[in-house]
Amino acid sequence: MKLETRRTELEALLASSKAPPPLLHPEMACVYREQIFRLHEALNSELETQRQEAAEIVRSLIEAIILTPSDDGMRGFRYGCGGRI
């Protein structure tokens, strides 16, 4: 009996709850697409200012470079990137 009562309470709670906010801003894909387009254009340019812009775009996409010692007994590191990539 207690289990059924609790189930009913939980179902009512779920039915009355609001949907959670989105994890990503709805326009985030457009912003990311624009950055990648600008990066592509800058990388294909022969102008120094464009190459500097490409470096800035890459820096804006990478928040951290993570180095982890390899666990296979050999010297070396595994690496990964953290950020908006």
Protein backbone atom coordinates (compact mmCIF):
# COMPACT_ATOMS: atom_id res chain seq x y z
CA MET A 1 0.00 0.00 0.00
CA LYS A 2 2.77 2.45 0.91
CA LEU A 3 4.53 1.72 -2.36
CA GLU A 4 1.43 2.48 -4.43
CA THR A 5 0.82 5.70 -2.51
CA ARG A 6 4.41 6.81 -3.06
CA ARG A 7 4.16 5.95 -6.75
CA THR A 8 1.02 8.05 -7.08
CA GLU A 9 2.74 10.96 -5.30
CA LEU A 10 5.77 10.74 -7.60
CA GLU A 11 3.64 10.55 -10.73
CA ALA A 12 1.73 13.66 -9.62
CA LEU A 13 5.00 15.45 -8.89
CA LEU A 14 6.39 14.58 -12.33
CA ALA A 15 3.18 15.65 -14.06
CA SER A 16 3.23 19.05 -12.37
CA SER A 17 6.95 19.75 -12.78
CA LYS A 18 8.34 22.07 -15.43
CA ALA A 19 10.74 20.90 -18.10
CA PRO A 20 14.37 21.59 -17.21
CA PRO A 21 16.11 24.43 -19.02
CA PRO A 22 18.20 23.43 -22.04
CA LEU A 23 21.82 22.60 -21.32
CA LEU A 24 23.02 24.61 -24.30
CA HIS A 25 21.83 27.95 -25.50
CA PRO A 26 19.62 27.46 -28.61
CA GLU A 27 21.94 29.66 -30.70
CA MET A 28 25.14 27.89 -29.60
CA ALA A 29 25.31 25.77 -32.77
CA CYS A 30 25.14 28.93 -34.92
CA VAL A 31 27.91 30.60 -32.91
CA TYR A 32 30.09 27.49 -33.17
CA ARG A 33 29.39 27.15 -36.93
CA GLU A 34 30.38 30.81 -37.45
CA GLN A 35 33.63 30.34 -35.51
CA ILE A 36 34.54 27.26 -37.54
CA PHE A 37 33.75 29.11 -40.79
CA ARG A 38 36.00 32.02 -39.70
CA LEU A 39 38.71 29.56 -38.70
CA HIS A 40 38.54 27.86 -42.09
CA GLU A 41 38.78 31.19 -43.90
CA ALA A 42 41.66 32.38 -41.72
CA LEU A 43 43.63 29.15 -42.11
CA ASN A 44 43.33 29.35 -45.90
CA SER A 45 44.54 32.95 -46.01
CA GLU A 46 48.10 34.00 -46.75
CA LEU A 47 47.74 37.21 -44.74
CA GLU A 48 49.55 37.34 -41.40
CA THR A 49 46.59 39.08 -39.75
CA GLN A 50 44.31 36.24 -40.84
CA ARG A 51 46.68 33.63 -39.41
CA GLN A 52 46.71 35.55 -36.12
CA GLU A 53 42.91 35.51 -36.18
CA ALA A 54 43.03 31.73 -36.73
CA ALA A 55 45.24 31.35 -33.65
CA GLU A 56 42.78 33.41 -31.58
CA ILE A 57 39.83 31.32 -32.78
CA VAL A 58 41.62 28.08 -31.84
CA ARG A 59 42.44 29.53 -28.41
CA SER A 60 38.78 30.44 -27.91
CA LEU A 61 37.70 26.86 -28.66
CA ILE A 62 40.23 25.13 -26.36
CA GLU A 63 39.96 25.85 -22.66
CA ALA A 64 42.47 23.27 -21.45
CA ILE A 65 44.97 20.72 -22.69
CA ILE A 66 45.01 17.77 -20.32
CA LEU A 67 48.14 15.60 -20.02
CA THR A 68 47.85 12.32 -18.11
CA PRO A 69 50.79 9.97 -17.50
CA SER A 70 50.33 6.82 -19.53
CA ASP A 71 49.41 3.80 -17.45
CA ASP A 72 51.13 1.20 -19.63
CA GLY A 73 54.45 1.49 -17.75
CA MET A 74 56.10 3.37 -20.58
CA ARG A 75 57.20 6.95 -20.28
CA GLY A 76 54.87 9.30 -21.99
CA PHE A 77 51.54 10.99 -21.71
CA ARG A 78 48.03 10.68 -23.00
CA TYR A 79 46.50 13.97 -23.97
CA GLY A 80 43.10 15.46 -24.46
CA CYS A 81 41.45 18.83 -24.92
CA GLY A 82 38.75 20.42 -22.85
CA GLY A 83 36.59 23.23 -24.07
CA ARG A 84 34.08 23.99 -26.75
CA ILE A 85 35.55 21.67 -29.36
